[in-house]
């Protein structure tokens, strides 16, 4: 007689089942920590502003709270991070001696070793993973992006984002969290396209991989997008496989804005909505979405747009229903 599964095992099997059903047949997807797909910490622009005095809290309701110190990150920084996650075959976990541990004996609370995630690749592979031209002229830009990422320190809060923000507004610590860099070190042994590049991620990334708090991102679409707003929206949309629409209030949060916030005027709001429409058109052009439409919600001047969309690639469970004979599909 088979042994009865524990509650933990049942939940794990159910999670694996949902994951298989939600797969969309992506080609070489990127396994990305969920909080890096549902955050507004990456501005919808090409260049970041690195300034050690900048410290901001990026809040996406119901999704994430991330505090960033040391600068503002943009689309280029996000793309490099996603490209590294895409190079799964180049990624390993290493056990490194802790330089702070005593040489002789052990000290309570100080581990003798610590673990890191390391990606060993080449400039050529890194450019190829982002869909960029494999030319030495692009190496300087990649190096600058790494330098920006190395200077930024982030605080990732765990728990209910709305409750965390409420505590932070009251001047209290938001709850469980971690202070880390996105990347710890970057080394390269040459300036040729086939020169080796070695990148080690921060502890927050390792923690996400350990807990399997990952989502499968269609990286082919991400790197084909031209609109910086689309680059901010697509990771969120693709990480929600069962969702069929998104409100513009969420889209605004993903680019650190509020539709009817104090900073917005009729002109900026109109431009934001134009950028949203262009972003959805771009997601169709890049092969991520098949179609989209707008629904107006509310009355008066404060109407909200709801963007309905259909993925270009059906989920596995949807594809299986399509392939069934008609009576069974019904």
C-alpha atoms as a PDB file:
ATOM      1  CA  UNK A   1       0.000   0.000   0.000  1.00  0.00           C
ATOM      2  CA  UNK A   2       1.419   3.363  -1.039  1.00  0.00           C
ATOM      3  CA  UNK A   3       2.353   5.781   1.723  1.00  0.00           C
ATOM      4  CA  UNK A   4       0.113   8.811   2.091  1.00  0.00           C
ATOM      5  CA  UNK A   5       1.723  12.062   1.012  1.00  0.00           C
ATOM      6  CA  UNK A   6       2.384  14.793   3.535  1.00  0.00           C
ATOM      7  CA  UNK A   7       0.782  18.228   3.205  1.00  0.00           C
ATOM      8  CA  UNK A   8       4.117  19.718   2.099  1.00  0.00           C
ATOM      9  CA  UNK A   9       4.545  17.037  -0.577  1.00  0.00           C
ATOM     10  CA  UNK A  10       0.980  17.503  -1.825  1.00  0.00           C
ATOM     11  CA  UNK A  11       1.488  21.255  -2.149  1.00  0.00           C
ATOM     12  CA  UNK A  12       4.759  20.734  -4.004  1.00  0.00           C
ATOM     13  CA  UNK A  13       3.162  18.290  -6.454  1.00  0.00           C
ATOM     14  CA  UNK A  14       0.228  20.654  -7.000  1.00  0.00           C
ATOM     15  CA  UNK A  15       2.638  23.541  -7.634  1.00  0.00           C
ATOM     16  CA  UNK A  16       4.598  21.423 -10.132  1.00  0.00           C
ATOM     17  CA  UNK A  17       1.341  20.436 -11.862  1.00  0.00           C
ATOM     18  CA  UNK A  18       0.288  24.077 -12.239  1.00  0.00           C
ATOM     19  CA  UNK A  19       3.739  24.976 -13.529  1.00  0.00           C
ATOM     20  CA  UNK A  20       3.544  22.311 -16.253  1.00  0.00           C
ATOM     21  CA  UNK A  21       0.040  23.391 -17.258  1.00  0.00           C
ATOM     22  CA  UNK A  22       1.085  27.042 -17.498  1.00  0.00           C
ATOM     23  CA  UNK A  23       4.105  26.476 -19.738  1.00  0.00           C
ATOM     24  CA  UNK A  24       3.802  28.196 -23.096  1.00  0.00           C
ATOM     25  CA  UNK A  25       6.443  26.394 -25.143  1.00  0.00           C
ATOM     26  CA  UNK A  26       8.953  29.215 -24.749  1.00  0.00           C
ATOM     27  CA  UNK A  27      12.315  28.812 -26.441  1.00  0.00           C
ATOM     28  CA  UNK A  28      15.225  29.171 -24.003  1.00  0.00           C
ATOM     29  CA  UNK A  29      13.289  31.080 -21.310  1.00  0.00           C
ATOM     30  CA  UNK A  30      14.960  32.859 -18.395  1.00  0.00           C
ATOM     31  CA  UNK A  31      14.223  31.588 -14.845  1.00  0.00           C
ATOM     32  CA  UNK A  32      13.971  34.945 -13.067  1.00  0.00           C
ATOM     33  CA  UNK A  33      13.257  35.620  -9.347  1.00  0.00           C
ATOM     34  CA  UNK A  34       9.606  36.696  -9.170  1.00  0.00           C
ATOM     35  CA  UNK A  35      10.356  39.964  -7.391  1.00  0.00           C
ATOM     36  CA  UNK A  36      12.580  41.034 -10.311  1.00  0.00           C
ATOM     37  CA  UNK A  37       9.641  40.665 -12.711  1.00  0.00           C
ATOM     38  CA  UNK A  38       7.108  42.467 -10.508  1.00  0.00           C
ATOM     39  CA  UNK A  39       9.039  45.536  -9.440  1.00  0.00           C
ATOM     40  CA  UNK A  40       9.233  49.188 -10.449  1.00  0.00           C
ATOM     41  CA  UNK A  41      12.923  49.454  -9.499  1.00  0.00           C
ATOM     42  CA  UNK A  42      13.883  49.573 -13.210  1.00  0.00           C
ATOM     43  CA  UNK A  43      12.878  52.865 -14.826  1.00  0.00           C
ATOM     44  CA  UNK A  44      11.472  52.785 -18.403  1.00  0.00           C
ATOM     45  CA  UNK A  45      14.536  54.421 -19.917  1.00  0.00           C
ATOM     46  CA  UNK A  46      17.873  53.374 -21.340  1.00  0.00           C
ATOM     47  CA  UNK A  47      20.275  55.039 -18.925  1.00  0.00           C
ATOM     48  CA  UNK A  48      20.296  54.963 -15.149  1.00  0.00           C
ATOM     49  CA  UNK A  49      21.447  57.751 -12.871  1.00  0.00           C
ATOM     50  CA  UNK A  50      24.096  56.493 -10.469  1.00  0.00           C
ATOM     51  CA  UNK A  51      24.303  58.721  -7.402  1.00  0.00           C
ATOM     52  CA  UNK A  52      25.272  57.373  -3.981  1.00  0.00           C
ATOM     53  CA  UNK A  53      22.925  59.881  -2.336  1.00  0.00           C
ATOM     54  CA  UNK A  54      19.807  58.537  -4.094  1.00  0.00           C
ATOM     55  CA  UNK A  55      17.631  56.251  -1.964  1.00  0.00           C
ATOM     56  CA  UNK A  56      14.092  55.367  -2.986  1.00  0.00           C
ATOM     57  CA  UNK A  57      11.387  52.850  -2.169  1.00  0.00           C
ATOM     58  CA  UNK A  58       9.748  51.156  -5.155  1.00  0.00           C
ATOM     59  CA  UNK A  59       6.334  49.748  -4.314  1.00  0.00           C
ATOM     60  CA  UNK A  60       4.063  47.657  -6.522  1.00  0.00           C
ATOM     61  CA  UNK A  61       0.757  47.008  -4.658  1.00  0.00           C
ATOM     62  CA  UNK A  62       0.308  43.363  -3.759  1.00  0.00           C
ATOM     63  CA  UNK A  63       3.601  42.401  -5.441  1.00  0.00           C
ATOM     64  CA  UNK A  64       6.827  43.826  -4.043  1.00  0.00           C
ATOM     65  CA  UNK A  65       8.606  46.451  -1.947  1.00  0.00           C
ATOM     66  CA  UNK A  66      12.221  47.120  -2.903  1.00  0.00           C
ATOM     67  CA  UNK A  67      14.397  49.887  -1.486  1.00  0.00           C
ATOM     68  CA  UNK A  68      17.265  50.993  -3.728  1.00  0.00           C
ATOM     69  CA  UNK A  69      20.284  53.007  -2.660  1.00  0.00           C
ATOM     70  CA  UNK A  70      23.003  54.225  -4.985  1.00  0.00           C
ATOM     71  CA  UNK A  71      21.145  55.154  -8.139  1.00  0.00           C
ATOM     72  CA  UNK A  72      18.312  54.550 -10.544  1.00  0.00           C
ATOM     73  CA  UNK A  73      18.332  51.525 -12.803  1.00  0.00           C
ATOM     74  CA  UNK A  74      16.893  51.368 -16.302  1.00  0.00           C
ATOM     75  CA  UNK A  75      16.032  48.995 -19.141  1.00  0.00           C
ATOM     76  CA  UNK A  76      19.649  48.172 -19.999  1.00  0.00           C
ATOM     77  CA  UNK A  77      20.316  46.989 -16.441  1.00  0.00           C
ATOM     78  CA  UNK A  78      17.229  44.776 -16.457  1.00  0.00           C
ATOM     79  CA  UNK A  79      18.171  43.251 -19.812  1.00  0.00           C
ATOM     80  CA  UNK A  80      21.689  42.317 -18.668  1.00  0.00           C
ATOM     81  CA  UNK A  81      20.322  40.653 -15.517  1.00  0.00           C
ATOM     82  CA  UNK A  82      17.740  38.679 -17.506  1.00  0.00           C
ATOM     83  CA  UNK A  83      20.392  37.662 -20.042  1.00  0.00           C
ATOM     84  CA  UNK A  84      22.555  36.214 -17.264  1.00  0.00           C
ATOM     85  CA  UNK A  85      19.591  34.217 -15.927  1.00  0.00           C
ATOM     86  CA  UNK A  86      19.005  32.960 -19.444  1.00  0.00           C
ATOM     87  CA  UNK A  87      22.476  31.376 -19.519  1.00  0.00           C
ATOM     88  CA  UNK A  88      21.355  28.526 -17.263  1.00  0.00           C
ATOM     89  CA  UNK A  89      23.984  26.103 -18.552  1.00  0.00           C
ATOM     90  CA  UNK A  90      26.707  28.571 -17.486  1.00  0.00           C
ATOM     91  CA  UNK A  91      25.321  28.990 -13.964  1.00  0.00           C
ATOM     92  CA  UNK A  92      26.759  27.147 -10.950  1.00  0.00           C
ATOM     93  CA  UNK A  93      26.533  27.364  -7.154  1.00  0.00           C
ATOM     94  CA  UNK A  94      29.921  27.648  -5.434  1.00  0.00           C
ATOM     95  CA  UNK A  95      30.935  27.210  -1.800  1.00  0.00           C
ATOM     96  CA  UNK A  96      33.443  29.946  -0.937  1.00  0.00           C
ATOM     97  CA  UNK A  97      35.596  30.282   2.224  1.00  0.00           C
ATOM     98  CA  UNK A  98      34.337  33.114   4.420  1.00  0.00           C
ATOM     99  CA  UNK A  99      37.139  35.698   4.863  1.00  0.00           C
ATOM    100  CA  UNK A 100      35.488  36.901   8.100  1.00  0.00           C
ATOM    101  CA  UNK A 101      35.663  33.463   9.724  1.00  0.00           C
ATOM    102  CA  UNK A 102      38.539  32.853  12.200  1.00  0.00           C
ATOM    103  CA  UNK A 103      41.527  30.969  10.832  1.00  0.00           C
ATOM    104  CA  UNK A 104      41.769  28.555  13.752  1.00  0.00           C
ATOM    105  CA  UNK A 105      38.614  26.973  15.082  1.00  0.00           C
ATOM    106  CA  UNK A 106      35.097  28.297  14.631  1.00  0.00           C
ATOM    107  CA  UNK A 107      33.210  31.268  15.983  1.00  0.00           C
ATOM    108  CA  UNK A 108      29.547  30.866  16.874  1.00  0.00           C
ATOM    109  CA  UNK A 109      27.330  32.617  14.301  1.00  0.00           C
ATOM    110  CA  UNK A 110      30.140  33.054  11.728  1.00  0.00           C
ATOM    111  CA  UNK A 111      30.008  30.365   9.006  1.00  0.00           C
ATOM    112  CA  UNK A 112      33.280  29.021   7.675  1.00  0.00           C
ATOM    113  CA  UNK A 113      31.927  29.134   4.097  1.00  0.00           C
ATOM    114  CA  UNK A 114      29.174  30.829   2.144  1.00  0.00           C
ATOM    115  CA  UNK A 115      27.497  30.031  -1.156  1.00  0.00           C
ATOM    116  CA  UNK A 116      27.280  32.171  -4.293  1.00  0.00           C
ATOM    117  CA  UNK A 117      25.718  31.816  -7.729  1.00  0.00           C
ATOM    118  CA  UNK A 118      28.256  32.353 -10.486  1.00  0.00           C
ATOM    119  CA  UNK A 119      27.826  32.670 -14.245  1.00  0.00           C
ATOM    120  CA  UNK A 120      30.884  32.094 -16.439  1.00  0.00           C
ATOM    121  CA  UNK A 121      30.315  33.154 -20.030  1.00  0.00           C
ATOM    122  CA  UNK A 122      31.850  35.299 -22.777  1.00  0.00           C
ATOM    123  CA  UNK A 123      31.115  38.781 -24.062  1.00  0.00           C
ATOM    124  CA  UNK A 124      29.807  37.180 -27.265  1.00  0.00           C
ATOM    125  CA  UNK A 125      27.361  34.900 -25.441  1.00  0.00           C
ATOM    126  CA  UNK A 126      26.164  37.771 -23.277  1.00  0.00           C
ATOM    127  CA  UNK A 127      25.448  39.990 -26.286  1.00  0.00           C
ATOM    128  CA  UNK A 128      23.807  37.104 -28.144  1.00  0.00           C
ATOM    129  CA  UNK A 129      21.533  36.354 -25.168  1.00  0.00           C
ATOM    130  CA  UNK A 130      20.250  39.950 -25.347  1.00  0.00           C
ATOM    131  CA  UNK A 131      19.777  39.894 -29.108  1.00  0.00           C
ATOM    132  CA  UNK A 132      22.481  42.550 -29.540  1.00  0.00           C
ATOM    133  CA  UNK A 133      25.000  42.851 -32.356  1.00  0.00           C
ATOM    134  CA  UNK A 134      28.083  40.802 -31.537  1.00  0.00           C
ATOM    135  CA  UNK A 135      30.603  43.622 -31.986  1.00  0.00           C
ATOM    136  CA  UNK A 136      33.408  44.857 -29.739  1.00  0.00           C
ATOM    137  CA  UNK A 137      31.854  48.346 -29.725  1.00  0.00           C
ATOM    138  CA  UNK A 138      29.113  46.998 -27.457  1.00  0.00           C
ATOM    139  CA  UNK A 139      31.541  45.769 -24.787  1.00  0.00           C
ATOM    140  CA  UNK A 140      32.044  49.189 -23.208  1.00  0.00           C
ATOM    141  CA  UNK A 141      28.286  49.595 -22.736  1.00  0.00           C
ATOM    142  CA  UNK A 142      28.081  46.168 -21.083  1.00  0.00           C
ATOM    143  CA  UNK A 143      30.947  47.053 -18.760  1.00  0.00           C
ATOM    144  CA  UNK A 144      29.241  50.328 -17.764  1.00  0.00           C
ATOM    145  CA  UNK A 145      25.981  48.503 -17.010  1.00  0.00           C
ATOM    146  CA  UNK A 146      27.844  46.062 -14.759  1.00  0.00           C
ATOM    147  CA  UNK A 147      29.535  48.955 -13.008  1.00  0.00           C
ATOM    148  CA  UNK A 148      26.155  50.576 -12.334  1.00  0.00           C
ATOM    149  CA  UNK A 149      24.720  47.315 -10.982  1.00  0.00           C
ATOM    150  CA  UNK A 150      27.722  46.815  -8.721  1.00  0.00           C
ATOM    151  CA  UNK A 151      27.212  50.224  -7.082  1.00  0.00           C
ATOM    152  CA  UNK A 152      23.551  49.712  -6.252  1.00  0.00           C
ATOM    153  CA  UNK A 153      22.463  48.203  -2.913  1.00  0.00           C
ATOM    154  CA  UNK A 154      18.901  46.942  -2.565  1.00  0.00           C
ATOM    155  CA  UNK A 155      16.722  46.004   0.402  1.00  0.00           C
ATOM    156  CA  UNK A 156      14.192  43.295  -0.444  1.00  0.00           C
ATOM    157  CA  UNK A 157      11.285  43.033   1.999  1.00  0.00           C
ATOM    158  CA  UNK A 158       9.446  39.757   2.543  1.00  0.00           C
ATOM    159  CA  UNK A 159       5.753  39.477   3.333  1.00  0.00           C
ATOM    160  CA  UNK A 160       2.604  41.384   2.399  1.00  0.00           C
ATOM    161  CA  UNK A 161       3.763  44.456   0.403  1.00  0.00           C
ATOM    162  CA  UNK A 162       0.782  46.582   1.451  1.00  0.00           C
ATOM    163  CA  UNK A 163       1.390  45.925   5.152  1.00  0.00           C
ATOM    164  CA  UNK A 164       5.114  46.566   4.694  1.00  0.00           C
ATOM    165  CA  UNK A 165       4.436  49.977   3.157  1.00  0.00           C
ATOM    166  CA  UNK A 166       2.061  50.854   5.986  1.00  0.00           C
ATOM    167  CA  UNK A 167       4.816  50.117   8.519  1.00  0.00           C
ATOM    168  CA  UNK A 168       7.420  52.059   6.541  1.00  0.00           C
ATOM    169  CA  UNK A 169       5.116  55.091   6.377  1.00  0.00           C
ATOM    170  CA  UNK A 170       4.865  54.964  10.176  1.00  0.00           C
ATOM    171  CA  UNK A 171       8.650  55.036  10.431  1.00  0.00           C
ATOM    172  CA  UNK A 172       8.967  51.392  11.417  1.00  0.00           C
ATOM    173  CA  UNK A 173      11.002  48.554   9.963  1.00  0.00           C
ATOM    174  CA  UNK A 174       8.909  46.914   7.271  1.00  0.00           C
ATOM    175  CA  UNK A 175       9.457  43.362   8.523  1.00  0.00           C
ATOM    176  CA  UNK A 176      11.632  40.511   7.308  1.00  0.00           C
ATOM    177  CA  UNK A 177      14.094  41.526   4.649  1.00  0.00           C
ATOM    178  CA  UNK A 178      17.564  41.367   3.192  1.00  0.00           C
ATOM    179  CA  UNK A 179      20.127  43.989   2.197  1.00  0.00           C
ATOM    180  CA  UNK A 180      22.149  42.831  -0.783  1.00  0.00           C
ATOM    181  CA  UNK A 181      23.675  43.806  -4.077  1.00  0.00           C
ATOM    182  CA  UNK A 182      22.209  42.480  -7.293  1.00  0.00           C
ATOM    183  CA  UNK A 183      25.693  41.375  -8.287  1.00  0.00           C
ATOM    184  CA  UNK A 184      28.775  41.025  -6.082  1.00  0.00           C
ATOM    185  CA  UNK A 185      31.647  40.890  -8.550  1.00  0.00           C
ATOM    186  CA  UNK A 186      32.325  41.015 -12.289  1.00  0.00           C
ATOM    187  CA  UNK A 187      35.625  39.855 -13.798  1.00  0.00           C
ATOM    188  CA  UNK A 188      36.773  39.575 -17.397  1.00  0.00           C
ATOM    189  CA  UNK A 189      40.066  38.375 -18.826  1.00  0.00           C
ATOM    190  CA  UNK A 190      40.080  40.323 -22.089  1.00  0.00           C
ATOM    191  CA  UNK A 191      38.323  42.751 -24.398  1.00  0.00           C
ATOM    192  CA  UNK A 192      37.705  40.371 -27.288  1.00  0.00           C
ATOM    193  CA  UNK A 193      34.268  38.954 -28.013  1.00  0.00           C
ATOM    194  CA  UNK A 194      35.373  35.487 -26.884  1.00  0.00           C
ATOM    195  CA  UNK A 195      37.077  36.709 -23.698  1.00  0.00           C
ATOM    196  CA  UNK A 196      35.737  35.086 -20.536  1.00  0.00           C
ATOM    197  CA  UNK A 197      33.370  37.013 -18.244  1.00  0.00           C
ATOM    198  CA  UNK A 198      32.605  35.855 -14.695  1.00  0.00           C
ATOM    199  CA  UNK A 199      29.670  37.304 -12.723  1.00  0.00           C
ATOM    200  CA  UNK A 200      28.709  36.492  -9.124  1.00  0.00           C
ATOM    201  CA  UNK A 201      25.235  37.385  -7.910  1.00  0.00           C
ATOM    202  CA  UNK A 202      24.225  38.814  -4.546  1.00  0.00           C
ATOM    203  CA  UNK A 203      22.672  36.801  -1.703  1.00  0.00           C
ATOM    204  CA  UNK A 204      19.134  37.834  -2.610  1.00  0.00           C
ATOM    205  CA  UNK A 205      19.384  36.028  -5.939  1.00  0.00           C
ATOM    206  CA  UNK A 206      20.736  32.889  -4.275  1.00  0.00           C
ATOM    207  CA  UNK A 207      17.866  32.974  -1.757  1.00  0.00           C
ATOM    208  CA  UNK A 208      15.316  33.163  -4.591  1.00  0.00           C
ATOM    209  CA  UNK A 209      16.853  30.162  -6.339  1.00  0.00           C
ATOM    210  CA  UNK A 210      16.943  28.178  -3.103  1.00  0.00           C
ATOM    211  CA  UNK A 211      13.270  28.752  -2.390  1.00  0.00           C
ATOM    212  CA  UNK A 212      12.351  28.152  -6.060  1.00  0.00           C
ATOM    213  CA  UNK A 213      10.610  31.533  -6.048  1.00  0.00           C
ATOM    214  CA  UNK A 214      11.189  31.798  -9.788  1.00  0.00           C
ATOM    215  CA  UNK A 215       9.098  32.524 -12.857  1.00  0.00           C
ATOM    216  CA  UNK A 216       9.794  31.466 -16.430  1.00  0.00           C
ATOM    217  CA  UNK A 217      10.158  34.579 -18.577  1.00  0.00           C
ATOM    218  CA  UNK A 218       9.861  34.568 -22.372  1.00  0.00           C
ATOM    219  CA  UNK A 219      13.228  36.214 -22.939  1.00  0.00           C
ATOM    220  CA  UNK A 220      12.889  36.096 -26.739  1.00  0.00           C
ATOM    221  CA  UNK A 221      10.062  38.625 -26.432  1.00  0.00           C
ATOM    222  CA  UNK A 222      11.782  40.694 -23.732  1.00  0.00           C
ATOM    223  CA  UNK A 223      14.863  41.346 -25.860  1.00  0.00           C
ATOM    224  CA  UNK A 224      12.841  41.938 -29.033  1.00  0.00           C
ATOM    225  CA  UNK A 225      10.880  44.795 -27.435  1.00  0.00           C
ATOM    226  CA  UNK A 226      11.738  48.331 -28.533  1.00  0.00           C
ATOM    227  CA  UNK A 227       9.550  50.289 -26.107  1.00  0.00           C
ATOM    228  CA  UNK A 228      11.026  50.821 -22.630  1.00  0.00           C
ATOM    229  CA  UNK A 229       7.484  50.788 -21.223  1.00  0.00           C
ATOM    230  CA  UNK A 230       6.922  47.401 -22.848  1.00  0.00           C
ATOM    231  CA  UNK A 231      10.149  46.162 -21.239  1.00  0.00           C
ATOM    232  CA  UNK A 232       8.687  47.192 -17.872  1.00  0.00           C
ATOM    233  CA  UNK A 233       5.250  45.649 -18.509  1.00  0.00           C
ATOM    234  CA  UNK A 234       6.125  42.374 -20.240  1.00  0.00           C
ATOM    235  CA  UNK A 235       7.912  40.650 -17.281  1.00  0.00           C
ATOM    236  CA  UNK A 236       4.851  41.242 -15.096  1.00  0.00           C
ATOM    237  CA  UNK A 237       2.378  40.112 -17.773  1.00  0.00           C
ATOM    238  CA  UNK A 238       4.392  37.015 -18.688  1.00  0.00           C
ATOM    239  CA  UNK A 239       4.862  36.051 -15.025  1.00  0.00           C
ATOM    240  CA  UNK A 240       1.067  35.918 -14.542  1.00  0.00           C
ATOM    241  CA  UNK A 241       0.166  33.011 -16.866  1.00  0.00           C
ATOM    242  CA  UNK A 242      -3.526  32.771 -15.923  1.00  0.00           C
ATOM    243  CA  UNK A 243      -4.273  36.519 -16.072  1.00  0.00           C
ATOM    244  CA  UNK A 244      -6.204  37.940 -19.029  1.00  0.00           C
ATOM    245  CA  UNK A 245      -6.110  41.663 -18.227  1.00  0.00           C
ATOM    246  CA  UNK A 246      -4.217  44.295 -16.277  1.00  0.00           C
ATOM    247  CA  UNK A 247      -5.451  47.667 -15.010  1.00  0.00           C
ATOM    248  CA  UNK A 248      -3.554  50.830 -15.846  1.00  0.00           C
ATOM    249  CA  UNK A 249      -3.118  51.454 -12.102  1.00  0.00           C
ATOM    250  CA  UNK A 250      -0.862  48.382 -11.989  1.00  0.00           C
ATOM    251  CA  UNK A 251       0.947  49.435 -15.173  1.00  0.00           C
ATOM    252  CA  UNK A 252       1.575  52.840 -13.595  1.00  0.00           C
ATOM    253  CA  UNK A 253       2.960  51.171 -10.451  1.00  0.00           C
ATOM    254  CA  UNK A 254       5.369  49.128 -12.575  1.00  0.00           C
ATOM    255  CA  UNK A 255       6.958  52.367 -13.829  1.00  0.00           C
ATOM    256  CA  UNK A 256       6.755  54.118 -10.428  1.00  0.00           C
ATOM    257  CA  UNK A 257       3.807  56.362 -11.255  1.00  0.00           C
ATOM    258  CA  UNK A 258       0.206  56.916 -10.154  1.00  0.00           C
ATOM    259  CA  UNK A 259      -2.496  57.502 -12.751  1.00  0.00           C
ATOM    260  CA  UNK A 260      -4.109  60.255 -10.693  1.00  0.00           C
ATOM    261  CA  UNK A 261      -1.165  61.043  -8.432  1.00  0.00           C
ATOM    262  CA  UNK A 262      -0.003  64.501  -7.379  1.00  0.00           C
ATOM    263  CA  UNK A 263       2.838  64.439  -9.894  1.00  0.00           C
ATOM    264  CA  UNK A 264       0.480  63.792 -12.822  1.00  0.00           C
ATOM    265  CA  UNK A 265      -1.208  66.379 -15.024  1.00  0.00           C
ATOM    266  CA  UNK A 266      -3.683  65.925 -17.865  1.00  0.00           C
ATOM    267  CA  UNK A 267      -0.750  66.180 -20.264  1.00  0.00           C
ATOM    268  CA  UNK A 268       1.497  63.618 -18.524  1.00  0.00           C
ATOM    269  CA  UNK A 269      -1.442  61.263 -18.026  1.00  0.00           C
ATOM    270  CA  UNK A 270      -2.318  61.479 -21.705  1.00  0.00           C
ATOM    271  CA  UNK A 271       1.304  60.744 -22.648  1.00  0.00           C
ATOM    272  CA  UNK A 272       1.399  57.797 -20.236  1.00  0.00           C
ATOM    273  CA  UNK A 273      -1.666  56.268 -21.879  1.00  0.00           C
ATOM    274  CA  UNK A 274      -0.125  56.790 -25.298  1.00  0.00           C
ATOM    275  CA  UNK A 275       3.034  55.030 -24.073  1.00  0.00           C
ATOM    276  CA  UNK A 276       0.876  52.155 -22.777  1.00  0.00           C
ATOM    277  CA  UNK A 277      -0.850  51.699 -26.134  1.00  0.00           C
ATOM    278  CA  UNK A 278       2.482  51.733 -27.941  1.00  0.00           C
ATOM    279  CA  UNK A 279       3.849  49.206 -25.429  1.00  0.00           C
ATOM    280  CA  UNK A 280       1.009  46.747 -26.113  1.00  0.00           C
ATOM    281  CA  UNK A 281       1.473  47.179 -29.861  1.00  0.00           C
ATOM    282  CA  UNK A 282       5.171  46.461 -29.323  1.00  0.00           C
ATOM    283  CA  UNK A 283       4.363  43.271 -27.394  1.00  0.00           C
ATOM    284  CA  UNK A 284       2.320  42.093 -30.398  1.00  0.00           C
ATOM    285  CA  UNK A 285       5.140  42.970 -32.810  1.00  0.00           C
ATOM    286  CA  UNK A 286       7.654  41.087 -30.634  1.00  0.00           C
ATOM    287  CA  UNK A 287       5.474  37.963 -30.609  1.00  0.00           C
ATOM    288  CA  UNK A 288       4.397  38.080 -26.973  1.00  0.00           C
ATOM    289  CA  UNK A 289       0.728  38.958 -27.416  1.00  0.00           C
ATOM    290  CA  UNK A 290      -1.765  38.028 -30.095  1.00  0.00           C
ATOM    291  CA  UNK A 291      -4.220  40.875 -29.480  1.00  0.00           C
ATOM    292  CA  UNK A 292      -5.264  43.478 -26.915  1.00  0.00           C
ATOM    293  CA  UNK A 293      -8.138  45.856 -26.213  1.00  0.00           C
ATOM    294  CA  UNK A 294      -9.146  48.583 -23.743  1.00  0.00           C
ATOM    295  CA  UNK A 295     -12.129  48.619 -21.391  1.00  0.00           C
ATOM    296  CA  UNK A 296     -13.141  51.833 -19.603  1.00  0.00           C
ATOM    297  CA  UNK A 297     -14.046  51.500 -15.920  1.00  0.00           C
ATOM    298  CA  UNK A 298     -15.708  54.057 -13.681  1.00  0.00           C
ATOM    299  CA  UNK A 299     -17.499  57.294 -14.459  1.00  0.00           C
ATOM    300  CA  UNK A 300     -16.634  60.947 -14.851  1.00  0.00           C
ATOM    301  CA  UNK A 301     -13.133  62.296 -15.387  1.00  0.00           C
ATOM    302  CA  UNK A 302     -11.406  59.610 -13.335  1.00  0.00           C
ATOM    303  CA  UNK A 303     -12.029  56.649 -15.605  1.00  0.00           C
ATOM    304  CA  UNK A 304      -9.533  53.830 -15.466  1.00  0.00           C
ATOM    305  CA  UNK A 305      -8.344  51.831 -18.474  1.00  0.00           C
ATOM    306  CA  UNK A 306      -8.282  48.057 -18.254  1.00  0.00           C
ATOM    307  CA  UNK A 307      -6.091  46.358 -20.846  1.00  0.00           C
ATOM    308  CA  UNK A 308      -7.379  42.957 -21.948  1.00  0.00           C
ATOM    309  CA  UNK A 309      -4.886  40.790 -23.820  1.00  0.00           C
ATOM    310  CA  UNK A 310      -4.322  37.339 -25.262  1.00  0.00           C
ATOM    311  CA  UNK A 311      -0.938  35.631 -25.219  1.00  0.00           C
ATOM    312  CA  UNK A 312       0.499  34.623 -28.567  1.00  0.00           C
ATOM    313  CA  UNK A 313       1.568  31.253 -27.153  1.00  0.00           C
ATOM    314  CA  UNK A 314      -1.217  29.234 -25.459  1.00  0.00           C
ATOM    315  CA  UNK A 315      -0.532  27.583 -22.129  1.00  0.00           C
ATOM    316  CA  UNK A 316       0.089  23.838 -22.203  1.00  0.00           C
ATOM    317  CA  UNK A 317      -3.340  23.106 -20.670  1.00  0.00           C
ATOM    318  CA  UNK A 318      -4.975  25.330 -23.314  1.00  0.00           C
ATOM    319  CA  UNK A 319      -3.019  23.634 -26.103  1.00  0.00           C
ATOM    320  CA  UNK A 320      -4.106  20.200 -24.855  1.00  0.00           C
ATOM    321  CA  UNK A 321      -7.753  21.318 -24.959  1.00  0.00           C
ATOM    322  CA  UNK A 322      -7.293  22.661 -28.496  1.00  0.00           C
ATOM    323  CA  UNK A 323      -5.861  19.306 -29.642  1.00  0.00           C
ATOM    324  CA  UNK A 324      -8.663  17.235 -28.076  1.00  0.00           C
ATOM    325  CA  UNK A 325     -11.544  15.998 -30.307  1.00  0.00           C
ATOM    326  CA  UNK A 326     -14.392  18.502 -30.156  1.00  0.00           C
ATOM    327  CA  UNK A 327     -16.780  16.531 -27.836  1.00  0.00           C
ATOM    328  CA  UNK A 328     -13.977  15.903 -25.330  1.00  0.00           C
ATOM    329  CA  UNK A 329     -12.773  19.495 -25.487  1.00  0.00           C
ATOM    330  CA  UNK A 330     -16.286  20.654 -24.649  1.00  0.00           C
END
